[in-house]
């Protein structure tokens, strides 16, 4: 597909994902690394309650809260 057709299709709201090679797509600064963190029981119970209330996993809420805190720190 030529770039002009791709742009026109995209601008017209057509699905252009079939024209994209997503096999090598990467999200910048999103490389994953595994870390182990020990939390006290009371903290895990609180995290689980909040995660359940929001309908997300414990891991998700930890990531979101850490990201929010890090963004606060960098904006100071």
PDB file of N, CA and C in Angstrom:
ATOM      1  N   UNK A   1       0.851  -1.173   0.000  1.00  0.00           N
ATOM      2  CA  UNK A   1       0.000   0.000   0.000  1.00  0.00           C
ATOM      3  C   UNK A   1       0.896   1.235   0.000  1.00  0.00           C
ATOM      4  N   UNK A   2       0.594   2.154  -0.866  1.00  0.00           N
ATOM      5  CA  UNK A   2       1.355   3.399  -0.940  1.00  0.00           C
ATOM      6  C   UNK A   2       0.979   4.315   0.222  1.00  0.00           C
ATOM      7  N   UNK A   3       1.901   5.182   0.587  1.00  0.00           N
ATOM      8  CA  UNK A   3       1.717   6.054   1.743  1.00  0.00           C
ATOM      9  C   UNK A   3       0.489   6.951   1.589  1.00  0.00           C
ATOM     10  N   UNK A   4       0.253   7.464   0.385  1.00  0.00           N
ATOM     11  CA  UNK A   4      -0.910   8.348   0.187  1.00  0.00           C
ATOM     12  C   UNK A   4      -2.216   7.606   0.447  1.00  0.00           C
ATOM     13  N   UNK A   5      -2.312   6.366  -0.049  1.00  0.00           N
ATOM     14  CA  UNK A   5      -3.524   5.580   0.172  1.00  0.00           C
ATOM     15  C   UNK A   5      -3.668   5.246   1.653  1.00  0.00           C
ATOM     16  N   UNK A   6      -2.554   4.871   2.285  1.00  0.00           N
ATOM     17  CA  UNK A   6      -2.580   4.570   3.710  1.00  0.00           C
ATOM     18  C   UNK A   6      -3.086   5.781   4.494  1.00  0.00           C
ATOM     19  N   UNK A   7      -2.511   6.953   4.219  1.00  0.00           N
ATOM     20  CA  UNK A   7      -2.924   8.180   4.912  1.00  0.00           C
ATOM     21  C   UNK A   7      -4.394   8.497   4.664  1.00  0.00           C
ATOM     22  N   UNK A   8      -4.828   8.349   3.424  1.00  0.00           N
ATOM     23  CA  UNK A   8      -6.224   8.645   3.089  1.00  0.00           C
ATOM     24  C   UNK A   8      -7.166   7.680   3.806  1.00  0.00           C
ATOM     25  N   UNK A   9      -6.832   6.397   3.773  1.00  0.00           N
ATOM     26  CA  UNK A   9      -7.662   5.414   4.469  1.00  0.00           C
ATOM     27  C   UNK A   9      -7.717   5.708   5.966  1.00  0.00           C
ATOM     28  N   UNK A  10      -6.562   5.998   6.553  1.00  0.00           N
ATOM     29  CA  UNK A  10      -6.510   6.315   7.979  1.00  0.00           C
ATOM     30  C   UNK A  10      -7.349   7.549   8.291  1.00  0.00           C
ATOM     31  N   UNK A  11      -7.184   8.596   7.494  1.00  0.00           N
ATOM     32  CA  UNK A  11      -7.930   9.839   7.711  1.00  0.00           C
ATOM     33  C   UNK A  11      -9.439   9.634   7.562  1.00  0.00           C
ATOM     34  N   UNK A  12      -9.824   8.658   6.736  1.00  0.00           N
ATOM     35  CA  UNK A  12     -11.251   8.378   6.535  1.00  0.00           C
ATOM     36  C   UNK A  12     -11.805   7.375   7.542  1.00  0.00           C
ATOM     37  N   UNK A  13     -10.973   6.995   8.511  1.00  0.00           N
ATOM     38  CA  UNK A  13     -11.434   6.107   9.573  1.00  0.00           C
ATOM     39  C   UNK A  13     -11.450   4.637   9.216  1.00  0.00           C
ATOM     40  N   UNK A  14     -10.802   4.274   8.124  1.00  0.00           N
ATOM     41  CA  UNK A  14     -10.750   2.866   7.735  1.00  0.00           C
ATOM     42  C   UNK A  14      -9.709   2.128   8.573  1.00  0.00           C
ATOM     43  N   UNK A  15      -9.885   0.834   8.714  1.00  0.00           N
ATOM     44  CA  UNK A  15      -8.955  -0.008   9.454  1.00  0.00           C
ATOM     45  C   UNK A  15      -7.723  -0.255   8.599  1.00  0.00           C
ATOM     46  N   UNK A  16      -6.582   0.260   9.036  1.00  0.00           N
ATOM     47  CA  UNK A  16      -5.339   0.116   8.277  1.00  0.00           C
ATOM     48  C   UNK A  16      -4.374  -0.862   8.940  1.00  0.00           C
ATOM     49  N   UNK A  17      -4.803  -1.554   9.970  1.00  0.00           N
ATOM     50  CA  UNK A  17      -3.898  -2.440  10.697  1.00  0.00           C
ATOM     51  C   UNK A  17      -3.368  -3.579   9.841  1.00  0.00           C
ATOM     52  N   UNK A  18      -4.116  -4.018   8.852  1.00  0.00           N
ATOM     53  CA  UNK A  18      -3.646  -5.104   7.985  1.00  0.00           C
ATOM     54  C   UNK A  18      -2.423  -4.671   7.178  1.00  0.00           C
ATOM     55  N   UNK A  19      -2.247  -3.375   6.976  1.00  0.00           N
ATOM     56  CA  UNK A  19      -1.121  -2.872   6.194  1.00  0.00           C
ATOM     57  C   UNK A  19       0.125  -2.657   7.055  1.00  0.00           C
ATOM     58  N   UNK A  20       0.018  -2.891   8.351  1.00  0.00           N
ATOM     59  CA  UNK A  20       1.134  -2.656   9.259  1.00  0.00           C
ATOM     60  C   UNK A  20       1.817  -3.969   9.626  1.00  0.00           C
ATOM     61  N   UNK A  21       3.141  -3.946   9.672  1.00  0.00           N
ATOM     62  CA  UNK A  21       3.912  -5.092  10.156  1.00  0.00           C
ATOM     63  C   UNK A  21       4.145  -4.865  11.645  1.00  0.00           C
ATOM     64  N   UNK A  22       3.335  -5.516  12.474  1.00  0.00           N
ATOM     65  CA  UNK A  22       3.419  -5.305  13.914  1.00  0.00           C
ATOM     66  C   UNK A  22       4.375  -6.278  14.598  1.00  0.00           C
ATOM     67  N   UNK A  23       5.028  -7.142  13.828  1.00  0.00           N
ATOM     68  CA  UNK A  23       5.905  -8.151  14.421  1.00  0.00           C
ATOM     69  C   UNK A  23       7.118  -7.541  15.121  1.00  0.00           C
ATOM     70  N   UNK A  24       7.518  -6.373  14.679  1.00  0.00           N
ATOM     71  CA  UNK A  24       8.689  -5.731  15.284  1.00  0.00           C
ATOM     72  C   UNK A  24       8.312  -4.471  16.056  1.00  0.00           C
ATOM     73  N   UNK A  25       7.044  -4.266  16.265  1.00  0.00           N
ATOM     74  CA  UNK A  25       6.592  -3.072  16.978  1.00  0.00           C
ATOM     75  C   UNK A  25       7.025  -3.146  18.436  1.00  0.00           C
ATOM     76  N   UNK A  26       7.492  -2.040  18.959  1.00  0.00           N
ATOM     77  CA  UNK A  26       7.913  -1.948  20.351  1.00  0.00           C
ATOM     78  C   UNK A  26       7.389  -0.653  20.943  1.00  0.00           C
ATOM     79  N   UNK A  27       7.106  -0.690  22.227  1.00  0.00           N
ATOM     80  CA  UNK A  27       6.697   0.526  22.924  1.00  0.00           C
ATOM     81  C   UNK A  27       7.941   1.140  23.562  1.00  0.00           C
ATOM     82  N   UNK A  28       8.260   2.385  23.219  1.00  0.00           N
ATOM     83  CA  UNK A  28       9.464   3.003  23.766  1.00  0.00           C
ATOM     84  C   UNK A  28       9.429   3.029  25.297  1.00  0.00           C
ATOM     85  N   UNK A  29      10.541   2.747  25.891  1.00  0.00           N
ATOM     86  CA  UNK A  29      10.726   2.764  27.338  1.00  0.00           C
ATOM     87  C   UNK A  29       9.759   1.834  28.063  1.00  0.00           C
ATOM     88  N   UNK A  30       9.342   0.759  27.430  1.00  0.00           N
ATOM     89  CA  UNK A  30       8.398  -0.168  28.052  1.00  0.00           C
ATOM     90  C   UNK A  30       8.983  -1.572  28.189  1.00  0.00           C
ATOM     91  N   UNK A  31      10.303  -1.702  28.111  1.00  0.00           N
ATOM     92  CA  UNK A  31      10.918  -3.016  28.284  1.00  0.00           C
ATOM     93  C   UNK A  31      10.593  -3.515  29.694  1.00  0.00           C
ATOM     94  N   UNK A  32      10.188  -4.760  29.780  1.00  0.00           N
ATOM     95  CA  UNK A  32       9.787  -5.341  31.059  1.00  0.00           C
ATOM     96  C   UNK A  32      10.974  -5.999  31.749  1.00  0.00           C
ATOM     97  N   UNK A  33      11.045  -5.829  33.075  1.00  0.00           N
ATOM     98  CA  UNK A  33      12.015  -6.542  33.906  1.00  0.00           C
ATOM     99  C   UNK A  33      11.282  -7.034  35.135  1.00  0.00           C
ATOM    100  N   UNK A  34      11.571  -8.233  35.538  1.00  0.00           N
ATOM    101  CA  UNK A  34      10.912  -8.825  36.706  1.00  0.00           C
ATOM    102  C   UNK A  34      11.688  -8.454  37.962  1.00  0.00           C
ATOM    103  N   UNK A  35      10.951  -8.029  38.986  1.00  0.00           N
ATOM    104  CA  UNK A  35      11.541  -7.758  40.295  1.00  0.00           C
ATOM    105  C   UNK A  35      10.695  -8.447  41.360  1.00  0.00           C
ATOM    106  N   UNK A  36      11.318  -8.808  42.439  1.00  0.00           N
ATOM    107  CA  UNK A  36      10.605  -9.399  43.570  1.00  0.00           C
ATOM    108  C   UNK A  36      10.593  -8.396  44.709  1.00  0.00           C
ATOM    109  N   UNK A  37       9.420  -8.186  45.263  1.00  0.00           N
ATOM    110  CA  UNK A  37       9.261  -7.248  46.370  1.00  0.00           C
ATOM    111  C   UNK A  37       8.470  -7.955  47.460  1.00  0.00           C
ATOM    112  N   UNK A  38       8.952  -7.864  48.682  1.00  0.00           N
ATOM    113  CA  UNK A  38       8.237  -8.444  49.819  1.00  0.00           C
ATOM    114  C   UNK A  38       7.406  -7.352  50.484  1.00  0.00           C
ATOM    115  N   UNK A  39       6.113  -7.641  50.698  1.00  0.00           N
ATOM    116  CA  UNK A  39       5.199  -6.720  51.364  1.00  0.00           C
ATOM    117  C   UNK A  39       4.674  -7.373  52.630  1.00  0.00           C
ATOM    118  N   UNK A  40       4.387  -6.580  53.656  1.00  0.00           N
ATOM    119  CA  UNK A  40       3.742  -7.148  54.837  1.00  0.00           C
ATOM    120  C   UNK A  40       2.302  -7.572  54.501  1.00  0.00           C
ATOM    121  N   UNK A  41       1.780  -8.514  55.270  1.00  0.00           N
ATOM    122  CA  UNK A  41       0.433  -9.040  55.017  1.00  0.00           C
ATOM    123  C   UNK A  41      -0.620  -7.945  54.954  1.00  0.00           C
ATOM    124  N   UNK A  42      -0.566  -6.978  55.889  1.00  0.00           N
ATOM    125  CA  UNK A  42      -1.594  -5.943  55.921  1.00  0.00           C
ATOM    126  C   UNK A  42      -1.611  -5.141  54.621  1.00  0.00           C
ATOM    127  N   UNK A  43      -0.423  -4.940  54.024  1.00  0.00           N
ATOM    128  CA  UNK A  43      -0.340  -4.168  52.790  1.00  0.00           C
ATOM    129  C   UNK A  43      -0.933  -4.954  51.627  1.00  0.00           C
ATOM    130  N   UNK A  44      -0.642  -6.245  51.570  1.00  0.00           N
ATOM    131  CA  UNK A  44      -1.201  -7.081  50.501  1.00  0.00           C
ATOM    132  C   UNK A  44      -2.715  -7.146  50.616  1.00  0.00           C
ATOM    133  N   UNK A  45      -3.222  -7.270  51.845  1.00  0.00           N
ATOM    134  CA  UNK A  45      -4.677  -7.302  52.039  1.00  0.00           C
ATOM    135  C   UNK A  45      -5.315  -5.998  51.588  1.00  0.00           C
ATOM    136  N   UNK A  46      -4.673  -4.874  51.892  1.00  0.00           N
ATOM    137  CA  UNK A  46      -5.195  -3.571  51.456  1.00  0.00           C
ATOM    138  C   UNK A  46      -5.141  -3.441  49.940  1.00  0.00           C
ATOM    139  N   UNK A  47      -4.039  -3.884  49.355  1.00  0.00           N
ATOM    140  CA  UNK A  47      -3.913  -3.842  47.898  1.00  0.00           C
ATOM    141  C   UNK A  47      -4.977  -4.703  47.240  1.00  0.00           C
ATOM    142  N   UNK A  48      -5.203  -5.895  47.781  1.00  0.00           N
ATOM    143  CA  UNK A  48      -6.199  -6.798  47.207  1.00  0.00           C
ATOM    144  C   UNK A  48      -7.608  -6.219  47.310  1.00  0.00           C
ATOM    145  N   UNK A  49      -7.915  -5.567  48.431  1.00  0.00           N
ATOM    146  CA  UNK A  49      -9.248  -4.945  48.580  1.00  0.00           C
ATOM    147  C   UNK A  49      -9.443  -3.838  47.548  1.00  0.00           C
ATOM    148  N   UNK A  50      -8.444  -2.998  47.407  1.00  0.00           N
ATOM    149  CA  UNK A  50      -8.554  -1.888  46.447  1.00  0.00           C
ATOM    150  C   UNK A  50      -8.581  -2.404  45.011  1.00  0.00           C
ATOM    151  N   UNK A  51      -7.772  -3.386  44.718  1.00  0.00           N
ATOM    152  CA  UNK A  51      -7.765  -3.970  43.367  1.00  0.00           C
ATOM    153  C   UNK A  51      -9.122  -4.593  43.056  1.00  0.00           C
ATOM    154  N   UNK A  52      -9.701  -5.284  44.029  1.00  0.00           N
ATOM    155  CA  UNK A  52     -11.016  -5.900  43.825  1.00  0.00           C
ATOM    156  C   UNK A  52     -12.082  -4.835  43.613  1.00  0.00           C
ATOM    157  N   UNK A  53     -12.000  -3.769  44.390  1.00  0.00           N
ATOM    158  CA  UNK A  53     -12.972  -2.678  44.263  1.00  0.00           C
ATOM    159  C   UNK A  53     -12.914  -2.060  42.865  1.00  0.00           C
ATOM    160  N   UNK A  54     -11.699  -1.928  42.333  1.00  0.00           N
ATOM    161  CA  UNK A  54     -11.523  -1.321  41.011  1.00  0.00           C
ATOM    162  C   UNK A  54     -11.661  -2.330  39.871  1.00  0.00           C
ATOM    163  N   UNK A  55     -11.678  -3.624  40.200  1.00  0.00           N
ATOM    164  CA  UNK A  55     -11.800  -4.646  39.169  1.00  0.00           C
ATOM    165  C   UNK A  55     -10.525  -4.864  38.381  1.00  0.00           C
ATOM    166  N   UNK A  56      -9.381  -4.712  39.046  1.00  0.00           N
ATOM    167  CA  UNK A  56      -8.092  -4.928  38.395  1.00  0.00           C
ATOM    168  C   UNK A  56      -7.273  -5.907  39.230  1.00  0.00           C
ATOM    169  N   UNK A  57      -6.126  -6.280  38.727  1.00  0.00           N
ATOM    170  CA  UNK A  57      -5.260  -7.189  39.473  1.00  0.00           C
ATOM    171  C   UNK A  57      -4.391  -6.415  40.459  1.00  0.00           C
ATOM    172  N   UNK A  58      -3.854  -7.142  41.413  1.00  0.00           N
ATOM    173  CA  UNK A  58      -2.932  -6.542  42.381  1.00  0.00           C
ATOM    174  C   UNK A  58      -1.741  -5.928  41.658  1.00  0.00           C
ATOM    175  N   UNK A  59      -1.183  -6.671  40.703  1.00  0.00           N
ATOM    176  CA  UNK A  59      -0.029  -6.180  39.958  1.00  0.00           C
ATOM    177  C   UNK A  59      -0.356  -4.871  39.228  1.00  0.00           C
ATOM    178  N   UNK A  60      -1.547  -4.798  38.654  1.00  0.00           N
ATOM    179  CA  UNK A  60      -1.938  -3.588  37.925  1.00  0.00           C
ATOM    180  C   UNK A  60      -1.999  -2.379  38.838  1.00  0.00           C
ATOM    181  N   UNK A  61      -2.597  -2.561  40.004  1.00  0.00           N
ATOM    182  CA  UNK A  61      -2.736  -1.409  40.897  1.00  0.00           C
ATOM    183  C   UNK A  61      -1.375  -0.963  41.421  1.00  0.00           C
ATOM    184  N   UNK A  62      -0.479  -1.905  41.677  1.00  0.00           N
ATOM    185  CA  UNK A  62       0.867  -1.544  42.122  1.00  0.00           C
ATOM    186  C   UNK A  62       1.572  -0.747  41.032  1.00  0.00           C
ATOM    187  N   UNK A  63       1.487  -1.207  39.785  1.00  0.00           N
ATOM    188  CA  UNK A  63       2.133  -0.501  38.682  1.00  0.00           C
ATOM    189  C   UNK A  63       1.581   0.909  38.504  1.00  0.00           C
ATOM    190  N   UNK A  64       0.264   1.034  38.554  1.00  0.00           N
ATOM    191  CA  UNK A  64      -0.359   2.347  38.360  1.00  0.00           C
ATOM    192  C   UNK A  64       0.049   3.294  39.479  1.00  0.00           C
ATOM    193  N   UNK A  65      -0.030   2.825  40.720  1.00  0.00           N
ATOM    194  CA  UNK A  65       0.318   3.695  41.840  1.00  0.00           C
ATOM    195  C   UNK A  65       1.789   4.099  41.819  1.00  0.00           C
ATOM    196  N   UNK A  66       2.657   3.160  41.487  1.00  0.00           N
ATOM    197  CA  UNK A  66       4.071   3.509  41.396  1.00  0.00           C
ATOM    198  C   UNK A  66       4.326   4.512  40.269  1.00  0.00           C
ATOM    199  N   UNK A  67       3.687   4.300  39.129  1.00  0.00           N
ATOM    200  CA  UNK A  67       3.850   5.226  38.001  1.00  0.00           C
ATOM    201  C   UNK A  67       3.363   6.627  38.374  1.00  0.00           C
ATOM    202  N   UNK A  68       2.218   6.699  39.073  1.00  0.00           N
ATOM    203  CA  UNK A  68       1.697   8.007  39.492  1.00  0.00           C
ATOM    204  C   UNK A  68       2.677   8.704  40.424  1.00  0.00           C
ATOM    205  N   UNK A  69       3.226   7.959  41.365  1.00  0.00           N
ATOM    206  CA  UNK A  69       4.161   8.544  42.318  1.00  0.00           C
ATOM    207  C   UNK A  69       5.441   9.009  41.627  1.00  0.00           C
ATOM    208  N   UNK A  70       5.956   8.197  40.711  1.00  0.00           N
ATOM    209  CA  UNK A  70       7.160   8.582  39.990  1.00  0.00           C
ATOM    210  C   UNK A  70       6.922   9.816  39.136  1.00  0.00           C
ATOM    211  N   UNK A  71       5.740   9.917  38.524  1.00  0.00           N
ATOM    212  CA  UNK A  71       5.419  11.117  37.738  1.00  0.00           C
ATOM    213  C   UNK A  71       5.342  12.347  38.633  1.00  0.00           C
ATOM    214  N   UNK A  72       4.777  12.198  39.832  1.00  0.00           N
ATOM    215  CA  UNK A  72       4.735  13.312  40.789  1.00  0.00           C
ATOM    216  C   UNK A  72       6.145  13.770  41.131  1.00  0.00           C
ATOM    217  N   UNK A  73       7.026  12.814  41.377  1.00  0.00           N
ATOM    218  CA  UNK A  73       8.393  13.138  41.758  1.00  0.00           C
ATOM    219  C   UNK A  73       9.136  13.860  40.639  1.00  0.00           C
ATOM    220  N   UNK A  74       8.924  13.451  39.408  1.00  0.00           N
ATOM    221  CA  UNK A  74       9.639  14.077  38.299  1.00  0.00           C
ATOM    222  C   UNK A  74       9.067  15.448  37.960  1.00  0.00           C
ATOM    223  N   UNK A  75       7.823  15.702  38.325  1.00  0.00           N
ATOM    224  CA  UNK A  75       7.220  17.010  38.005  1.00  0.00           C
ATOM    225  C   UNK A  75       7.534  18.061  39.064  1.00  0.00           C
ATOM    226  N   UNK A  76       8.172  17.670  40.150  1.00  0.00           N
ATOM    227  CA  UNK A  76       8.526  18.636  41.206  1.00  0.00           C
ATOM    228  C   UNK A  76       9.723  19.463  40.824  1.00  0.00           C
TER     229      UNK A  76
END
